[in-house]
Amino acid sequence: MGITYADLRLANEARDDLEEINASAIVDKGELHLCLPEHIAM
């Protein structure tokens, strides 16, 4: 297990009115879930 860093591009294919977001993330390779802040997920 370990921590790695990743650059992400988040987009919502179902909502054309939302812009894509570029984000930096810390990734724990042992985890199974993704957590996003609500203001990004909506």
PDB file of N, CA and C in Angstrom:
ATOM      1  N   MET A   1       0.836  -1.166   0.000  1.00  0.00           N
ATOM      2  CA  MET A   1       0.000   0.000   0.000  1.00  0.00           C
ATOM      3  C   MET A   1       0.887   1.238   0.000  1.00  0.00           C
ATOM      4  N   GLY A   2       0.341   2.290  -0.564  1.00  0.00           N
ATOM      5  CA  GLY A   2       1.079   3.534  -0.572  1.00  0.00           C
ATOM      6  C   GLY A   2       0.220   4.662  -1.100  1.00  0.00           C
ATOM      7  N   ILE A   3       0.761   5.834  -0.991  1.00  0.00           N
ATOM      8  CA  ILE A   3       0.054   7.019  -1.473  1.00  0.00           C
ATOM      9  C   ILE A   3       0.755   7.520  -2.722  1.00  0.00           C
ATOM     10  N   THR A   4      -0.043   7.880  -3.693  1.00  0.00           N
ATOM     11  CA  THR A   4       0.482   8.443  -4.932  1.00  0.00           C
ATOM     12  C   THR A   4      -0.349   9.666  -5.287  1.00  0.00           C
ATOM     13  N   TYR A   5       0.138  10.481  -6.172  1.00  0.00           N
ATOM     14  CA  TYR A   5      -0.564  11.696  -6.580  1.00  0.00           C
ATOM     15  C   TYR A   5      -0.999  11.563  -8.035  1.00  0.00           C
ATOM     16  N   ALA A   6      -2.152  12.143  -8.367  1.00  0.00           N
ATOM     17  CA  ALA A   6      -2.667  12.061  -9.729  1.00  0.00           C
ATOM     18  C   ALA A   6      -3.316  13.385 -10.115  1.00  0.00           C
ATOM     19  N   ASP A   7      -3.191  13.737 -11.381  1.00  0.00           N
ATOM     20  CA  ASP A   7      -3.914  14.877 -11.937  1.00  0.00           C
ATOM     21  C   ASP A   7      -5.164  14.330 -12.605  1.00  0.00           C
ATOM     22  N   LEU A   8      -6.319  14.897 -12.277  1.00  0.00           N
ATOM     23  CA  LEU A   8      -7.598  14.409 -12.779  1.00  0.00           C
ATOM     24  C   LEU A   8      -8.302  15.474 -13.596  1.00  0.00           C
ATOM     25  N   ARG A   9      -9.097  15.025 -14.547  1.00  0.00           N
ATOM     26  CA  ARG A   9     -10.010  15.905 -15.277  1.00  0.00           C
ATOM     27  C   ARG A   9     -11.409  15.379 -15.002  1.00  0.00           C
ATOM     28  N   LEU A  10     -12.230  16.176 -14.310  1.00  0.00           N
ATOM     29  CA  LEU A  10     -13.579  15.758 -13.937  1.00  0.00           C
ATOM     30  C   LEU A  10     -14.577  16.417 -14.876  1.00  0.00           C
ATOM     31  N   ALA A  11     -15.488  15.621 -15.421  1.00  0.00           N
ATOM     32  CA  ALA A  11     -16.499  16.132 -16.335  1.00  0.00           C
ATOM     33  C   ALA A  11     -17.779  15.337 -16.144  1.00  0.00           C
ATOM     34  N   ASN A  12     -18.895  15.952 -16.509  1.00  0.00           N
ATOM     35  CA  ASN A  12     -20.199  15.294 -16.422  1.00  0.00           C
ATOM     36  C   ASN A  12     -20.779  15.252 -17.834  1.00  0.00           C
ATOM     37  N   GLU A  13     -20.748  14.089 -18.442  1.00  0.00           N
ATOM     38  CA  GLU A  13     -21.238  13.920 -19.817  1.00  0.00           C
ATOM     39  C   GLU A  13     -22.730  14.231 -19.945  1.00  0.00           C
ATOM     40  N   ALA A  14     -23.479  14.081 -18.857  1.00  0.00           N
ATOM     41  CA  ALA A  14     -24.923  14.308 -18.894  1.00  0.00           C
ATOM     42  C   ALA A  14     -25.294  15.783 -18.739  1.00  0.00           C
ATOM     43  N   ARG A  15     -24.354  16.616 -18.319  1.00  0.00           N
ATOM     44  CA  ARG A  15     -24.651  18.034 -18.081  1.00  0.00           C
ATOM     45  C   ARG A  15     -23.685  18.901 -18.876  1.00  0.00           C
ATOM     46  N   ASP A  16     -24.103  19.311 -20.053  1.00  0.00           N
ATOM     47  CA  ASP A  16     -23.267  20.153 -20.910  1.00  0.00           C
ATOM     48  C   ASP A  16     -23.063  21.555 -20.340  1.00  0.00           C
ATOM     49  N   ASP A  17     -23.916  21.966 -19.400  1.00  0.00           N
ATOM     50  CA  ASP A  17     -23.794  23.299 -18.826  1.00  0.00           C
ATOM     51  C   ASP A  17     -22.662  23.406 -17.797  1.00  0.00           C
ATOM     52  N   LEU A  18     -22.097  22.284 -17.404  1.00  0.00           N
ATOM     53  CA  LEU A  18     -21.001  22.286 -16.429  1.00  0.00           C
ATOM     54  C   LEU A  18     -19.658  22.207 -17.144  1.00  0.00           C
ATOM     55  N   GLU A  19     -18.717  23.015 -16.686  1.00  0.00           N
ATOM     56  CA  GLU A  19     -17.373  22.974 -17.256  1.00  0.00           C
ATOM     57  C   GLU A  19     -16.569  21.841 -16.636  1.00  0.00           C
ATOM     58  N   GLU A  20     -15.592  21.347 -17.379  1.00  0.00           N
ATOM     59  CA  GLU A  20     -14.671  20.360 -16.834  1.00  0.00           C
ATOM     60  C   GLU A  20     -13.804  21.023 -15.775  1.00  0.00           C
ATOM     61  N   ILE A  21     -13.384  20.235 -14.793  1.00  0.00           N
ATOM     62  CA  ILE A  21     -12.525  20.728 -13.723  1.00  0.00           C
ATOM     63  C   ILE A  21     -11.246  19.908 -13.732  1.00  0.00           C
ATOM     64  N   ASN A  22     -10.114  20.577 -13.696  1.00  0.00           N
ATOM     65  CA  ASN A  22      -8.835  19.903 -13.499  1.00  0.00           C
ATOM     66  C   ASN A  22      -8.511  19.955 -12.019  1.00  0.00           C
ATOM     67  N   ALA A  23      -8.096  18.821 -11.456  1.00  0.00           N
ATOM     68  CA  ALA A  23      -7.823  18.753 -10.020  1.00  0.00           C
ATOM     69  C   ALA A  23      -6.611  17.873  -9.766  1.00  0.00           C
ATOM     70  N   SER A  24      -5.935  18.143  -8.677  1.00  0.00           N
ATOM     71  CA  SER A  24      -4.861  17.275  -8.194  1.00  0.00           C
ATOM     72  C   SER A  24      -5.436  16.447  -7.065  1.00  0.00           C
ATOM     73  N   ALA A  25      -5.049  15.186  -6.991  1.00  0.00           N
ATOM     74  CA  ALA A  25      -5.615  14.299  -5.980  1.00  0.00           C
ATOM     75  C   ALA A  25      -4.523  13.458  -5.332  1.00  0.00           C
ATOM     76  N   ILE A  26      -4.776  13.100  -4.085  1.00  0.00           N
ATOM     77  CA  ILE A  26      -3.936  12.130  -3.384  1.00  0.00           C
ATOM     78  C   ILE A  26      -4.672  10.798  -3.476  1.00  0.00           C
ATOM     79  N   VAL A  27      -3.983   9.778  -3.931  1.00  0.00           N
ATOM     80  CA  VAL A  27      -4.598   8.468  -4.144  1.00  0.00           C
ATOM     81  C   VAL A  27      -3.975   7.462  -3.186  1.00  0.00           C
ATOM     82  N   ASP A  28      -4.819   6.823  -2.374  1.00  0.00           N
ATOM     83  CA  ASP A  28      -4.379   5.738  -1.509  1.00  0.00           C
ATOM     84  C   ASP A  28      -4.680   4.448  -2.256  1.00  0.00           C
ATOM     85  N   LYS A  29      -3.662   3.731  -2.672  1.00  0.00           N
ATOM     86  CA  LYS A  29      -3.847   2.566  -3.530  1.00  0.00           C
ATOM     87  C   LYS A  29      -4.624   1.427  -2.876  1.00  0.00           C
ATOM     88  N   GLY A  30      -4.820   1.469  -1.575  1.00  0.00           N
ATOM     89  CA  GLY A  30      -5.549   0.411  -0.890  1.00  0.00           C
ATOM     90  C   GLY A  30      -7.039   0.691  -0.747  1.00  0.00           C
ATOM     91  N   GLU A  31      -7.510   1.846  -1.162  1.00  0.00           N
ATOM     92  CA  GLU A  31      -8.915   2.210  -0.995  1.00  0.00           C
ATOM     93  C   GLU A  31      -9.755   1.770  -2.191  1.00  0.00           C
ATOM     94  N   LEU A  32     -11.056   1.627  -1.944  1.00  0.00           N
ATOM     95  CA  LEU A  32     -11.987   1.176  -2.979  1.00  0.00           C
ATOM     96  C   LEU A  32     -12.994   2.231  -3.396  1.00  0.00           C
ATOM     97  N   HIS A  33     -13.039   3.371  -2.713  1.00  0.00           N
ATOM     98  CA  HIS A  33     -14.059   4.381  -2.960  1.00  0.00           C
ATOM     99  C   HIS A  33     -13.424   5.707  -3.348  1.00  0.00           C
ATOM    100  N   LEU A  34     -14.205   6.514  -4.062  1.00  0.00           N
ATOM    101  CA  LEU A  34     -13.795   7.856  -4.439  1.00  0.00           C
ATOM    102  C   LEU A  34     -14.687   8.834  -3.692  1.00  0.00           C
ATOM    103  N   CYS A  35     -14.101   9.822  -3.065  1.00  0.00           N
ATOM    104  CA  CYS A  35     -14.857  10.842  -2.340  1.00  0.00           C
ATOM    105  C   CYS A  35     -14.626  12.184  -3.004  1.00  0.00           C
ATOM    106  N   LEU A  36     -15.721  12.837  -3.372  1.00  0.00           N
ATOM    107  CA  LEU A  36     -15.672  14.169  -3.976  1.00  0.00           C
ATOM    108  C   LEU A  36     -16.479  15.126  -3.124  1.00  0.00           C
ATOM    109  N   PRO A  37     -16.029  16.378  -2.995  1.00  0.00           N
ATOM    110  CA  PRO A  37     -16.854  17.354  -2.306  1.00  0.00           C
ATOM    111  C   PRO A  37     -18.174  17.533  -3.039  1.00  0.00           C
ATOM    112  N   GLU A  38     -19.238  17.821  -2.319  1.00  0.00           N
ATOM    113  CA  GLU A  38     -20.571  17.927  -2.914  1.00  0.00           C
ATOM    114  C   GLU A  38     -20.634  18.990  -3.998  1.00  0.00           C
ATOM    115  N   HIS A  39     -19.943  20.120  -3.809  1.00  0.00           N
ATOM    116  CA  HIS A  39     -20.018  21.185  -4.809  1.00  0.00           C
ATOM    117  C   HIS A  39     -19.337  20.788  -6.120  1.00  0.00           C
ATOM    118  N   ILE A  40     -18.485  19.793  -6.106  1.00  0.00           N
ATOM    119  CA  ILE A  40     -17.884  19.281  -7.340  1.00  0.00           C
ATOM    120  C   ILE A  40     -18.739  18.168  -7.933  1.00  0.00           C
ATOM    121  N   ALA A  41     -19.314  17.335  -7.088  1.00  0.00           N
ATOM    122  CA  ALA A  41     -20.098  16.197  -7.559  1.00  0.00           C
ATOM    123  C   ALA A  41     -21.412  16.610  -8.190  1.00  0.00           C
ATOM    124  N   MET A  42     -21.974  17.770  -7.817  1.00  0.00           N
ATOM    125  CA  MET A  42     -23.279  18.177  -8.329  1.00  0.00           C
ATOM    126  C   MET A  42     -23.143  18.819  -9.655  1.00  0.00           C
TER     127      MET A  42
END
